Amino acid sequence: PDCLPLQFLSYLGACDRLLKQGYEEGQVEEAMEMFQYSEKKVTEFLHLLAQFNDMGFQQNEIKEVLLLCGNQRERALEELVMK
C-alpha cells in the first residue's frame, strides 16, 4: 500500500531525532517497538529510563515498571523504590 513508505519515513525521522538527543540506537529501536512507534511515548520512556538509570536503578527493572505504569513518573518511582 501507499502508506507504508510514509510510515517508514516517519519512523526513520523519529529515530533520527531521538538519536540526535543522545539515546542509544538499540534502546530507540526497542522502545519504538514497545510503544507502536509513538514518538511521544518513546521520548517519555527514554527520558525516564535515563533519569532512573542515573538514580542507580537497574535498567531491566526500570523498563518493566515504566511499561506497567504507562510512563507515569511518580508511580514508576514508587514501584522502583519498593522493589
Protein backbone atom coordinates (compact mmCIF):
# COMPACT_ATOMS: atom_id res chain seq x y z
CA PRO A 1 0.00 0.00 0.00
CA ASP A 2 0.94 3.64 -0.49
CA CYS A 3 1.02 4.48 3.22
CA LEU A 4 3.81 2.03 4.05
CA PRO A 5 6.71 4.17 2.73
CA LEU A 6 5.27 7.19 4.53
CA GLN A 7 5.11 5.29 7.85
CA PHE A 8 8.67 4.10 7.33
CA LEU A 9 9.91 7.63 6.67
CA SER A 10 8.08 8.84 9.76
CA TYR A 11 9.73 6.05 11.79
CA LEU A 12 13.18 6.92 10.43
CA GLY A 13 12.64 10.60 11.19
CA ALA A 14 11.58 9.84 14.75
CA CYS A 15 14.57 7.53 15.28
CA ASP A 16 16.91 10.16 13.87
CA ARG A 17 15.57 12.86 16.21
CA LEU A 18 15.92 10.55 19.23
CA LEU A 19 19.45 9.51 18.28
CA LYS A 20 20.40 13.19 17.98
CA GLN A 21 19.20 13.64 21.58
CA GLY A 22 21.86 11.15 22.61
CA TYR A 23 19.84 7.98 23.10
CA GLU A 24 21.39 4.66 22.09
CA GLU A 25 20.23 3.13 18.81
CA GLY A 26 19.29 -0.21 20.39
CA GLN A 27 17.19 1.48 23.06
CA VAL A 28 15.44 3.67 20.49
CA GLU A 29 14.55 0.71 18.28
CA GLU A 30 13.36 -1.39 21.24
CA ALA A 31 11.23 1.46 22.61
CA MET A 32 9.75 2.12 19.16
CA GLU A 33 8.52 -1.46 19.03
CA MET A 34 7.22 -1.40 22.60
CA PHE A 35 5.16 1.75 22.01
CA GLN A 36 3.94 1.02 18.47
CA TYR A 37 6.13 3.77 17.02
CA SER A 38 4.60 6.61 19.03
CA GLU A 39 7.42 9.17 19.12
CA LYS A 40 5.84 10.97 22.08
CA LYS A 41 5.63 7.84 24.24
CA VAL A 42 9.08 6.67 23.18
CA THR A 43 10.58 10.05 24.08
CA GLU A 44 8.91 9.98 27.52
CA PHE A 45 10.07 6.40 28.08
CA LEU A 46 13.70 7.04 27.10
CA HIS A 47 13.83 10.24 29.17
CA LEU A 48 12.54 8.45 32.28
CA LEU A 49 14.75 5.42 31.62
CA ALA A 50 17.81 7.67 31.60
CA GLN A 51 16.64 9.56 34.70
CA PHE A 52 16.01 6.42 36.75
CA ASN A 53 19.20 4.86 35.44
CA ASP A 54 21.12 7.90 36.77
CA MET A 55 19.46 7.30 40.16
CA GLY A 56 21.04 3.84 40.23
CA PHE A 57 18.07 1.62 39.38
CA GLN A 58 18.59 -1.45 37.19
CA GLN A 59 17.65 -0.94 33.55
CA ASN A 60 15.54 -4.11 33.21
CA GLU A 61 13.54 -3.17 36.33
CA ILE A 62 13.05 0.37 35.04
CA LYS A 63 11.70 -0.87 31.70
CA GLU A 64 9.29 -3.26 33.39
CA VAL A 65 7.97 -0.62 35.79
CA LEU A 66 7.62 2.07 33.11
CA LEU A 67 5.60 -0.30 30.94
CA LEU A 68 3.36 -1.26 33.87
CA CYS A 69 2.87 2.37 34.90
CA GLY A 70 2.43 3.75 31.39
CA ASN A 71 5.40 6.13 31.72
CA GLN A 72 3.90 7.83 34.79
CA ARG A 73 6.99 9.13 36.57
CA GLU A 74 5.69 9.27 40.14
CA ARG A 75 4.05 5.84 40.06
CA ALA A 76 7.11 4.31 38.43
CA LEU A 77 9.40 5.83 41.02
CA GLU A 78 7.25 4.47 43.86
CA GLU A 79 7.36 0.99 42.31
CA LEU A 80 11.13 1.13 41.86
CA VAL A 81 11.71 2.29 45.42
CA MET A 82 9.53 -0.55 46.77
CA LYS A 83 11.47 -3.24 44.83
